[in-house]
Amino acid sequence: MRASGPRRTGGSPGGPFASEGRLRTLIEQAPLAMHVFAPDGTSLLANAAWDELWDLGEDESSEGKNVFEDEQLRAAGLMPHVREAVAGETVATPPSCTSRHGPVARAHRGG
């Protein structure tokens, strides 16, 4: 007896854009905040967890905006990190505390 598994059919079911649709659904339903940008910095997709993280209302949307034009990121000194990330690099940003209204001062808890 021979064990059988899924067979390759030579193409993805549903055509060439089916996997893009599955990825979009995965991002939209993810419990982690996710935001997808085009190489030119244009926002393509942000999920509900992202909107909740940044306290965006239903009438607010980041889609279509350009991350390279974000003055809050520029003021926080994060633009070099953003440019690297959009270019496909893995980036570690310095610790910060921000809100949708801009950087928030962090209280120093020293010993």
C-alpha atoms as a PDB file:
ATOM      1  CA  MET A   1       0.000   0.000   0.000  1.00  0.00           C
ATOM      2  CA  ARG A   2       1.280   3.460  -0.860  1.00  0.00           C
ATOM      3  CA  ALA A   3       0.635   6.543   1.244  1.00  0.00           C
ATOM      4  CA  SER A   4      -0.626   9.439  -0.740  1.00  0.00           C
ATOM      5  CA  GLY A   5      -0.544  13.120   0.053  1.00  0.00           C
ATOM      6  CA  PRO A   6      -1.616  16.221  -1.773  1.00  0.00           C
ATOM      7  CA  ARG A   7      -0.824  16.136  -5.450  1.00  0.00           C
ATOM      8  CA  ARG A   8       0.754  19.005  -7.294  1.00  0.00           C
ATOM      9  CA  THR A   9      -1.409  20.236 -10.121  1.00  0.00           C
ATOM     10  CA  GLY A  10       1.087  22.649 -11.613  1.00  0.00           C
ATOM     11  CA  GLY A  11      -0.641  25.820 -10.445  1.00  0.00           C
ATOM     12  CA  SER A  12      -2.360  27.306  -7.468  1.00  0.00           C
ATOM     13  CA  PRO A  13      -6.104  26.766  -7.278  1.00  0.00           C
ATOM     14  CA  GLY A  14      -7.935  29.939  -8.122  1.00  0.00           C
ATOM     15  CA  GLY A  15      -5.331  31.427 -10.424  1.00  0.00           C
ATOM     16  CA  PRO A  16      -2.234  33.517  -9.875  1.00  0.00           C
ATOM     17  CA  PHE A  17      -3.841  35.952  -7.415  1.00  0.00           C
ATOM     18  CA  ALA A  18      -5.340  33.352  -5.059  1.00  0.00           C
ATOM     19  CA  SER A  19      -2.279  33.355  -2.800  1.00  0.00           C
ATOM     20  CA  GLU A  20      -2.392  37.174  -2.611  1.00  0.00           C
ATOM     21  CA  GLY A  21      -5.999  36.941  -1.452  1.00  0.00           C
ATOM     22  CA  ARG A  22      -5.076  34.370   1.187  1.00  0.00           C
ATOM     23  CA  LEU A  23      -2.221  36.560   2.422  1.00  0.00           C
ATOM     24  CA  ARG A  24      -4.525  39.590   2.624  1.00  0.00           C
ATOM     25  CA  THR A  25      -7.060  37.550   4.618  1.00  0.00           C
ATOM     26  CA  LEU A  26      -4.321  36.284   6.944  1.00  0.00           C
ATOM     27  CA  ILE A  27      -3.109  39.837   7.616  1.00  0.00           C
ATOM     28  CA  GLU A  28      -6.623  41.220   8.083  1.00  0.00           C
ATOM     29  CA  GLN A  29      -7.499  38.509  10.627  1.00  0.00           C
ATOM     30  CA  ALA A  30      -4.166  38.416  12.472  1.00  0.00           C
ATOM     31  CA  PRO A  31      -4.267  39.294  16.172  1.00  0.00           C
ATOM     32  CA  LEU A  32      -0.897  41.065  15.801  1.00  0.00           C
ATOM     33  CA  ALA A  33      -0.765  44.628  14.496  1.00  0.00           C
ATOM     34  CA  MET A  34       0.374  44.569  10.869  1.00  0.00           C
ATOM     35  CA  HIS A  35       0.864  47.300   8.300  1.00  0.00           C
ATOM     36  CA  VAL A  36       1.972  46.661   4.705  1.00  0.00           C
ATOM     37  CA  PHE A  37       3.700  49.297   2.574  1.00  0.00           C
ATOM     38  CA  ALA A  38       4.651  49.550  -1.093  1.00  0.00           C
ATOM     39  CA  PRO A  39       8.335  50.195  -1.866  1.00  0.00           C
ATOM     40  CA  ASP A  40       7.526  53.883  -2.410  1.00  0.00           C
ATOM     41  CA  GLY A  41       6.175  54.118   1.167  1.00  0.00           C
ATOM     42  CA  THR A  42       2.473  54.121   0.284  1.00  0.00           C
ATOM     43  CA  SER A  43       0.309  52.295   2.816  1.00  0.00           C
ATOM     44  CA  LEU A  44      -1.414  49.326   1.203  1.00  0.00           C
ATOM     45  CA  LEU A  45      -3.035  47.480   4.079  1.00  0.00           C
ATOM     46  CA  ALA A  46      -3.388  47.841   7.845  1.00  0.00           C
ATOM     47  CA  ASN A  47      -5.329  45.330   9.918  1.00  0.00           C
ATOM     48  CA  ALA A  48      -7.804  45.945  12.749  1.00  0.00           C
ATOM     49  CA  ALA A  49      -5.141  45.153  15.359  1.00  0.00           C
ATOM     50  CA  TRP A  50      -3.033  48.006  13.924  1.00  0.00           C
ATOM     51  CA  ASP A  51      -5.989  50.395  14.127  1.00  0.00           C
ATOM     52  CA  GLU A  52      -6.644  49.308  17.718  1.00  0.00           C
ATOM     53  CA  LEU A  53      -2.983  49.677  18.693  1.00  0.00           C
ATOM     54  CA  TRP A  54      -2.926  53.264  17.434  1.00  0.00           C
ATOM     55  CA  ASP A  55      -6.497  54.007  18.583  1.00  0.00           C
ATOM     56  CA  LEU A  56      -7.721  54.812  15.078  1.00  0.00           C
ATOM     57  CA  GLY A  57     -11.442  55.357  14.728  1.00  0.00           C
ATOM     58  CA  GLU A  58     -13.591  53.927  11.951  1.00  0.00           C
ATOM     59  CA  ASP A  59     -13.392  57.204  10.043  1.00  0.00           C
ATOM     60  CA  GLU A  60      -9.571  57.226  10.234  1.00  0.00           C
ATOM     61  CA  SER A  61      -7.491  55.181   7.846  1.00  0.00           C
ATOM     62  CA  SER A  62      -3.806  54.904   7.131  1.00  0.00           C
ATOM     63  CA  GLU A  63      -4.355  53.303   3.731  1.00  0.00           C
ATOM     64  CA  GLY A  64      -3.097  55.457   0.891  1.00  0.00           C
ATOM     65  CA  LYS A  65      -0.897  57.599   3.134  1.00  0.00           C
ATOM     66  CA  ASN A  66       2.868  57.623   2.676  1.00  0.00           C
ATOM     67  CA  VAL A  67       5.062  56.575   5.586  1.00  0.00           C
ATOM     68  CA  PHE A  68       7.960  58.665   4.239  1.00  0.00           C
ATOM     69  CA  GLU A  69       5.848  61.792   4.796  1.00  0.00           C
ATOM     70  CA  ASP A  70       5.052  61.017   8.442  1.00  0.00           C
ATOM     71  CA  GLU A  71       6.273  63.945  10.535  1.00  0.00           C
ATOM     72  CA  GLN A  72       5.929  62.034  13.819  1.00  0.00           C
ATOM     73  CA  LEU A  73       8.338  59.345  12.619  1.00  0.00           C
ATOM     74  CA  ARG A  74      10.712  62.016  11.352  1.00  0.00           C
ATOM     75  CA  ALA A  75      10.555  63.937  14.674  1.00  0.00           C
ATOM     76  CA  ALA A  76      11.207  60.730  16.628  1.00  0.00           C
ATOM     77  CA  GLY A  77      14.314  60.069  14.511  1.00  0.00           C
ATOM     78  CA  LEU A  78      12.907  56.818  13.141  1.00  0.00           C
ATOM     79  CA  MET A  79      12.908  57.644   9.417  1.00  0.00           C
ATOM     80  CA  PRO A  80      16.244  55.888   8.672  1.00  0.00           C
ATOM     81  CA  HIS A  81      14.837  52.730  10.276  1.00  0.00           C
ATOM     82  CA  VAL A  82      11.612  53.035   8.287  1.00  0.00           C
ATOM     83  CA  ARG A  83      13.508  53.428   5.005  1.00  0.00           C
ATOM     84  CA  GLU A  84      15.576  50.311   5.759  1.00  0.00           C
ATOM     85  CA  ALA A  85      12.481  48.296   6.693  1.00  0.00           C
ATOM     86  CA  VAL A  86      10.551  49.301   3.567  1.00  0.00           C
ATOM     87  CA  ALA A  87      13.642  48.335   1.530  1.00  0.00           C
ATOM     88  CA  GLY A  88      13.326  44.823   2.952  1.00  0.00           C
ATOM     89  CA  GLU A  89      15.895  44.943   5.738  1.00  0.00           C
ATOM     90  CA  THR A  90      15.271  43.569   9.216  1.00  0.00           C
ATOM     91  CA  VAL A  91      15.371  46.537  11.561  1.00  0.00           C
ATOM     92  CA  ALA A  92      15.548  46.905  15.327  1.00  0.00           C
ATOM     93  CA  THR A  93      14.312  50.291  16.476  1.00  0.00           C
ATOM     94  CA  PRO A  94      15.361  51.882  19.741  1.00  0.00           C
ATOM     95  CA  PRO A  95      12.865  51.617  22.597  1.00  0.00           C
ATOM     96  CA  SER A  96      10.281  54.361  22.475  1.00  0.00           C
ATOM     97  CA  CYS A  97       6.855  55.134  23.720  1.00  0.00           C
ATOM     98  CA  THR A  98       4.560  56.759  21.191  1.00  0.00           C
ATOM     99  CA  SER A  99       0.912  57.414  20.646  1.00  0.00           C
ATOM    100  CA  ARG A 100      -0.969  58.603  17.598  1.00  0.00           C
ATOM    101  CA  HIS A 101      -0.417  62.107  18.946  1.00  0.00           C
ATOM    102  CA  GLY A 102       3.370  61.780  18.843  1.00  0.00           C
ATOM    103  CA  PRO A 103       6.212  60.703  21.092  1.00  0.00           C
ATOM    104  CA  VAL A 104       5.409  60.456  24.772  1.00  0.00           C
ATOM    105  CA  ALA A 105       8.024  61.185  27.400  1.00  0.00           C
ATOM    106  CA  ARG A 106       8.956  58.097  29.363  1.00  0.00           C
ATOM    107  CA  ALA A 107       9.537  58.398  33.068  1.00  0.00           C
ATOM    108  CA  HIS A 108      12.969  57.199  34.116  1.00  0.00           C
ATOM    109  CA  ARG A 109      12.820  54.611  36.829  1.00  0.00           C
ATOM    110  CA  GLY A 110      16.252  54.504  38.302  1.00  0.00           C
ATOM    111  CA  GLY A 111      17.594  52.832  41.365  1.00  0.00           C
END
